[in-house]
Structure formats: structure tokens, C-alpha cells
């Protein structure tokens, strides 16, 4: 297996990494993002796009920092045969109207 048991320290328990699933405008033109676990964060940084990772402060439910999903950054594979691997994104193929392919 690729997964190890890891003890969570107090400072690590104060934040959570969330994947951005959608960026939209809510009622009264309020910008919001929706994360992979269903959280809605109002007034995020305008540079945050879909597939980025947000460092979320659990106590305030605010986005403290974010990591862009772009070539050169680390990625954690969450599904398929390579689930659990930590890789470097090398290239993204854009296919309009279909799925995008990410090379690692």
C-alpha cells in the first residue's frame, strides 16, 4: 500500500486542504467557490479557479491560501490504479467539450 498512518498535530488540525469543484456567482452577485466536501466559501481570491487546492481555516471557514493546478506543481492521485501516488504535473492537454488530460 501507499498509505501510511500519520499522527495529526494540533497545528495541522486547524486547517484542511480542499479541492475547488466550482466557481460561480450567487445571489446579489456574490462570488463563491464550492469545494469537494460541499463547503461554500464566499468572496474567495479572484485568482482561484476550478481544480485548484484551497487551504481552509476550519475555525473561520475562510480560504487562507491556495495552490494552482498547473504544470510543475505536486499532485496527489485520488482514483484509479495509481491512487495514493504523489507526482509532478508535467503537461495538461485541453480538449474543449470533453475531459482534459493531465500528464504526470
N, C-alpha and C. Protein backbone atom coordinates (compact mmCIF):
# COMPACT_ATOMS: atom_id res chain seq x y z
N UNK A 1 0.79 -1.17 0.00
CA UNK A 1 0.00 0.00 0.00
C UNK A 1 0.85 1.26 0.00
N UNK A 2 0.24 2.33 -0.44
CA UNK A 2 0.91 3.62 -0.49
C UNK A 2 0.48 4.54 0.64
N UNK A 3 -0.47 4.11 1.45
CA UNK A 3 -0.97 4.95 2.52
C UNK A 3 -0.33 4.56 3.85
N UNK A 4 0.03 5.55 4.65
CA UNK A 4 0.63 5.32 5.96
C UNK A 4 -0.19 6.03 7.02
N UNK A 5 -0.24 5.46 8.22
CA UNK A 5 -0.91 6.14 9.32
C UNK A 5 -0.03 7.29 9.77
N UNK A 6 -0.64 8.44 9.95
CA UNK A 6 0.10 9.67 10.26
C UNK A 6 -0.59 10.37 11.42
N UNK A 7 0.16 10.69 12.44
CA UNK A 7 -0.40 11.37 13.61
C UNK A 7 -0.60 12.85 13.26
N UNK A 8 -1.79 13.37 13.51
CA UNK A 8 -2.11 14.77 13.20
C UNK A 8 -1.82 15.62 14.43
N UNK A 9 -0.95 16.62 14.26
CA UNK A 9 -0.62 17.53 15.35
C UNK A 9 -1.68 18.62 15.48
N UNK A 10 -1.64 19.36 16.57
CA UNK A 10 -2.66 20.39 16.85
C UNK A 10 -2.69 21.48 15.78
N UNK A 11 -1.50 21.92 15.31
CA UNK A 11 -1.49 22.98 14.29
C UNK A 11 -1.97 22.47 12.93
N UNK A 12 -1.78 21.17 12.65
CA UNK A 12 -2.29 20.60 11.40
C UNK A 12 -3.80 20.40 11.45
N UNK A 13 -4.35 20.23 12.63
CA UNK A 13 -5.79 20.00 12.77
C UNK A 13 -6.59 21.29 12.60
N UNK A 14 -5.93 22.44 12.53
CA UNK A 14 -6.63 23.72 12.42
C UNK A 14 -6.98 24.08 10.98
N UNK A 15 -6.41 23.37 10.00
CA UNK A 15 -6.72 23.68 8.61
C UNK A 15 -7.03 22.41 7.84
N UNK A 16 -7.55 22.59 6.63
CA UNK A 16 -7.93 21.47 5.77
C UNK A 16 -7.66 21.86 4.33
N UNK A 17 -7.15 20.93 3.54
CA UNK A 17 -6.95 21.18 2.12
C UNK A 17 -8.18 20.72 1.36
N UNK A 18 -8.76 21.62 0.57
CA UNK A 18 -9.99 21.32 -0.17
C UNK A 18 -9.78 21.57 -1.65
N UNK A 19 -10.34 20.68 -2.47
CA UNK A 19 -10.27 20.82 -3.92
C UNK A 19 -11.47 21.66 -4.38
N UNK A 20 -11.24 22.63 -5.25
CA UNK A 20 -12.30 23.51 -5.75
C UNK A 20 -13.03 22.79 -6.89
N UNK A 21 -14.35 22.61 -6.73
CA UNK A 21 -15.15 21.94 -7.75
C UNK A 21 -15.88 22.91 -8.66
N UNK A 22 -16.27 24.09 -8.14
CA UNK A 22 -16.94 25.07 -9.00
C UNK A 22 -16.69 26.48 -8.49
N UNK A 23 -16.68 27.41 -9.43
CA UNK A 23 -16.56 28.83 -9.15
C UNK A 23 -17.75 29.49 -9.83
N UNK A 24 -18.55 30.21 -9.05
CA UNK A 24 -19.77 30.79 -9.62
C UNK A 24 -20.13 32.07 -8.88
N UNK A 25 -21.20 32.69 -9.31
CA UNK A 25 -21.72 33.89 -8.67
C UNK A 25 -23.08 33.55 -8.07
N UNK A 26 -23.25 33.81 -6.78
CA UNK A 26 -24.50 33.51 -6.09
C UNK A 26 -25.44 34.71 -6.17
N UNK A 27 -26.47 34.70 -5.35
CA UNK A 27 -27.44 35.78 -5.33
C UNK A 27 -26.76 37.11 -4.97
N UNK A 28 -27.26 38.17 -5.54
CA UNK A 28 -26.73 39.52 -5.35
C UNK A 28 -25.28 39.65 -5.79
N UNK A 29 -24.91 38.84 -6.79
CA UNK A 29 -23.58 38.89 -7.43
C UNK A 29 -22.44 38.64 -6.45
N UNK A 30 -22.63 37.74 -5.50
CA UNK A 30 -21.60 37.37 -4.54
C UNK A 30 -20.79 36.21 -5.12
N UNK A 31 -19.47 36.38 -5.33
CA UNK A 31 -18.67 35.27 -5.85
C UNK A 31 -18.48 34.20 -4.77
N UNK A 32 -18.65 32.93 -5.17
CA UNK A 32 -18.49 31.81 -4.25
C UNK A 32 -17.74 30.68 -4.95
N UNK A 33 -17.06 29.85 -4.14
CA UNK A 33 -16.47 28.61 -4.64
C UNK A 33 -17.07 27.46 -3.84
N UNK A 34 -17.19 26.31 -4.48
CA UNK A 34 -17.68 25.11 -3.82
C UNK A 34 -16.54 24.10 -3.82
N UNK A 35 -16.29 23.48 -2.66
CA UNK A 35 -15.19 22.54 -2.52
C UNK A 35 -15.68 21.10 -2.67
N UNK A 36 -14.74 20.17 -2.65
CA UNK A 36 -15.06 18.76 -2.87
C UNK A 36 -15.95 18.18 -1.78
N UNK A 37 -15.94 18.75 -0.58
CA UNK A 37 -16.77 18.22 0.50
C UNK A 37 -18.06 19.01 0.69
N UNK A 38 -18.41 19.87 -0.27
CA UNK A 38 -19.68 20.57 -0.25
C UNK A 38 -19.67 21.92 0.45
N UNK A 39 -18.53 22.37 0.92
CA UNK A 39 -18.46 23.68 1.57
C UNK A 39 -18.58 24.78 0.52
N UNK A 40 -19.23 25.87 0.90
CA UNK A 40 -19.34 27.05 0.05
C UNK A 40 -18.60 28.18 0.72
N UNK A 41 -17.64 28.76 0.02
CA UNK A 41 -16.82 29.85 0.57
C UNK A 41 -17.14 31.11 -0.23
N UNK A 42 -17.61 32.14 0.48
CA UNK A 42 -17.97 33.41 -0.15
C UNK A 42 -16.76 34.33 -0.25
N UNK A 43 -16.75 35.16 -1.25
CA UNK A 43 -15.72 36.16 -1.52
C UNK A 43 -14.31 35.54 -1.51
N UNK A 44 -14.04 34.55 -2.37
CA UNK A 44 -12.69 33.98 -2.43
C UNK A 44 -11.76 34.90 -3.23
N UNK A 45 -10.48 34.55 -3.23
CA UNK A 45 -9.50 35.27 -4.06
C UNK A 45 -9.91 35.11 -5.53
N UNK A 46 -9.92 36.18 -6.32
CA UNK A 46 -10.34 36.07 -7.73
C UNK A 46 -9.44 35.19 -8.58
N UNK A 47 -8.23 34.88 -8.12
CA UNK A 47 -7.33 34.03 -8.90
C UNK A 47 -7.63 32.54 -8.74
N UNK A 48 -8.50 32.17 -7.80
CA UNK A 48 -8.84 30.76 -7.58
C UNK A 48 -9.75 30.28 -8.69
N UNK A 49 -9.37 29.16 -9.32
CA UNK A 49 -10.15 28.56 -10.41
C UNK A 49 -10.49 27.12 -10.04
N UNK A 50 -11.27 26.46 -10.90
CA UNK A 50 -11.65 25.06 -10.70
C UNK A 50 -10.39 24.19 -10.73
N UNK A 51 -10.34 23.17 -9.90
CA UNK A 51 -9.25 22.20 -9.73
C UNK A 51 -8.10 22.72 -8.88
N UNK A 52 -8.13 23.97 -8.42
CA UNK A 52 -7.11 24.46 -7.51
C UNK A 52 -7.36 23.88 -6.12
N UNK A 53 -6.35 23.93 -5.25
CA UNK A 53 -6.48 23.46 -3.88
C UNK A 53 -6.46 24.66 -2.96
N UNK A 54 -7.41 24.69 -2.02
CA UNK A 54 -7.57 25.81 -1.09
C UNK A 54 -7.19 25.34 0.30
N UNK A 55 -6.36 26.15 1.00
CA UNK A 55 -6.04 25.90 2.40
C UNK A 55 -7.13 26.59 3.22
N UNK A 56 -8.00 25.79 3.85
CA UNK A 56 -9.18 26.30 4.52
C UNK A 56 -8.98 26.29 6.02
N UNK A 57 -9.16 27.47 6.64
CA UNK A 57 -9.11 27.55 8.11
C UNK A 57 -10.45 27.05 8.63
N UNK A 58 -10.44 25.96 9.40
CA UNK A 58 -11.67 25.31 9.84
C UNK A 58 -12.45 26.19 10.81
N UNK A 59 -11.77 26.92 11.68
CA UNK A 59 -12.46 27.73 12.69
C UNK A 59 -13.27 28.86 12.06
N UNK A 60 -12.74 29.51 11.01
CA UNK A 60 -13.43 30.65 10.40
C UNK A 60 -14.09 30.32 9.07
N UNK A 61 -13.82 29.14 8.51
CA UNK A 61 -14.32 28.72 7.21
C UNK A 61 -13.91 29.70 6.11
N UNK A 62 -12.68 30.21 6.20
CA UNK A 62 -12.14 31.15 5.21
C UNK A 62 -10.98 30.48 4.46
N UNK A 63 -10.81 30.86 3.20
CA UNK A 63 -9.69 30.38 2.40
C UNK A 63 -8.46 31.21 2.74
N UNK A 64 -7.47 30.59 3.38
CA UNK A 64 -6.26 31.30 3.81
C UNK A 64 -5.28 31.41 2.66
N UNK A 65 -5.10 30.33 1.91
CA UNK A 65 -4.12 30.29 0.84
C UNK A 65 -4.64 29.32 -0.22
N UNK A 66 -4.03 29.33 -1.41
CA UNK A 66 -4.42 28.37 -2.43
C UNK A 66 -3.22 27.96 -3.26
N UNK A 67 -3.33 26.79 -3.91
CA UNK A 67 -2.28 26.23 -4.75
C UNK A 67 -2.89 26.01 -6.13
N UNK A 68 -2.27 26.57 -7.15
CA UNK A 68 -2.78 26.46 -8.51
C UNK A 68 -2.54 25.04 -9.05
N UNK A 69 -3.47 24.57 -9.88
CA UNK A 69 -3.35 23.27 -10.55
C UNK A 69 -2.71 23.54 -11.91
N UNK A 70 -1.37 23.55 -11.95
CA UNK A 70 -0.64 23.88 -13.17
C UNK A 70 0.62 23.03 -13.26
N UNK A 71 1.22 22.93 -14.44
CA UNK A 71 2.44 22.13 -14.59
C UNK A 71 3.56 22.62 -13.68
N UNK A 72 4.28 21.66 -13.10
CA UNK A 72 5.37 21.96 -12.19
C UNK A 72 5.01 21.78 -10.73
N UNK A 73 3.72 21.70 -10.41
CA UNK A 73 3.28 21.53 -9.03
C UNK A 73 3.07 20.05 -8.70
N UNK A 74 3.09 19.74 -7.42
CA UNK A 74 2.82 18.38 -6.97
C UNK A 74 1.33 18.10 -7.02
N UNK A 75 0.99 16.84 -7.29
CA UNK A 75 -0.41 16.41 -7.29
C UNK A 75 -0.51 15.07 -6.58
N UNK A 76 -1.66 14.83 -5.97
CA UNK A 76 -1.93 13.59 -5.25
C UNK A 76 -3.03 12.88 -6.03
N UNK A 77 -2.75 11.70 -6.53
CA UNK A 77 -3.72 10.97 -7.33
C UNK A 77 -4.73 10.30 -6.40
N UNK A 78 -6.02 10.53 -6.64
CA UNK A 78 -7.05 10.06 -5.72
C UNK A 78 -7.91 8.95 -6.28
N UNK A 79 -7.69 8.53 -7.50
CA UNK A 79 -8.51 7.46 -8.06
C UNK A 79 -7.76 6.67 -9.10
N UNK A 80 -8.21 5.45 -9.32
CA UNK A 80 -7.63 4.61 -10.35
C UNK A 80 -6.50 3.74 -9.84
N UNK A 81 -5.77 3.14 -10.77
CA UNK A 81 -4.70 2.21 -10.45
C UNK A 81 -3.54 2.88 -9.69
N UNK A 82 -3.33 4.17 -9.93
CA UNK A 82 -2.23 4.89 -9.29
C UNK A 82 -2.66 5.67 -8.05
N UNK A 83 -3.78 5.32 -7.47
CA UNK A 83 -4.31 6.01 -6.31
C UNK A 83 -3.29 6.03 -5.17
N UNK A 84 -3.06 7.21 -4.61
CA UNK A 84 -2.13 7.34 -3.50
C UNK A 84 -0.76 7.84 -3.89
N UNK A 85 -0.49 7.92 -5.17
CA UNK A 85 0.83 8.39 -5.61
C UNK A 85 0.89 9.91 -5.57
N UNK A 86 2.08 10.42 -5.24
CA UNK A 86 2.34 11.85 -5.28
C UNK A 86 3.26 12.09 -6.47
N UNK A 87 2.80 12.91 -7.42
CA UNK A 87 3.51 13.09 -8.69
C UNK A 87 3.66 14.58 -9.00
N UNK A 88 4.45 14.88 -10.02
CA UNK A 88 4.61 16.25 -10.51
C UNK A 88 3.85 16.37 -11.83
N UNK A 89 3.02 17.40 -11.95
CA UNK A 89 2.26 17.63 -13.19
C UNK A 89 3.23 18.16 -14.24
N UNK A 90 3.29 17.49 -15.39
CA UNK A 90 4.21 17.92 -16.45
C UNK A 90 3.50 18.66 -17.58
N UNK A 91 2.26 18.25 -17.90
CA UNK A 91 1.58 18.85 -19.05
C UNK A 91 0.07 18.62 -18.92
N UNK A 92 -0.71 19.60 -19.40
CA UNK A 92 -2.17 19.46 -19.45
C UNK A 92 -2.62 19.60 -20.89
N UNK A 93 -3.39 18.60 -21.38
CA UNK A 93 -3.99 18.67 -22.71
C UNK A 93 -5.42 19.14 -22.56
N UNK A 94 -5.78 20.22 -23.24
CA UNK A 94 -7.14 20.72 -23.18
C UNK A 94 -7.93 20.20 -24.37
N UNK A 95 -9.08 19.59 -24.07
CA UNK A 95 -9.98 19.09 -25.10
C UNK A 95 -11.33 19.77 -24.90
N UNK A 96 -11.62 20.85 -25.65
CA UNK A 96 -12.88 21.58 -25.46
C UNK A 96 -14.09 20.67 -25.67
N UNK A 97 -15.02 20.75 -24.74
CA UNK A 97 -16.23 19.93 -24.83
C UNK A 97 -16.06 18.53 -24.30
N UNK A 98 -14.88 18.21 -23.79
CA UNK A 98 -14.62 16.87 -23.26
C UNK A 98 -13.74 17.01 -22.03
N UNK A 99 -13.19 15.90 -21.58
CA UNK A 99 -12.30 15.92 -20.42
C UNK A 99 -10.91 16.39 -20.78
N UNK A 100 -10.23 17.03 -19.86
CA UNK A 100 -8.83 17.40 -20.05
C UNK A 100 -7.95 16.26 -19.57
N UNK A 101 -6.79 16.06 -20.23
CA UNK A 101 -5.86 15.00 -19.86
C UNK A 101 -4.64 15.64 -19.22
N UNK A 102 -4.25 15.12 -18.07
CA UNK A 102 -3.11 15.63 -17.33
C UNK A 102 -2.01 14.59 -17.36
N UNK A 103 -0.82 14.98 -17.82
CA UNK A 103 0.33 14.08 -17.86
C UNK A 103 1.18 14.33 -16.62
N UNK A 104 1.61 13.23 -16.01
CA UNK A 104 2.42 13.33 -14.79
C UNK A 104 3.77 12.70 -15.01
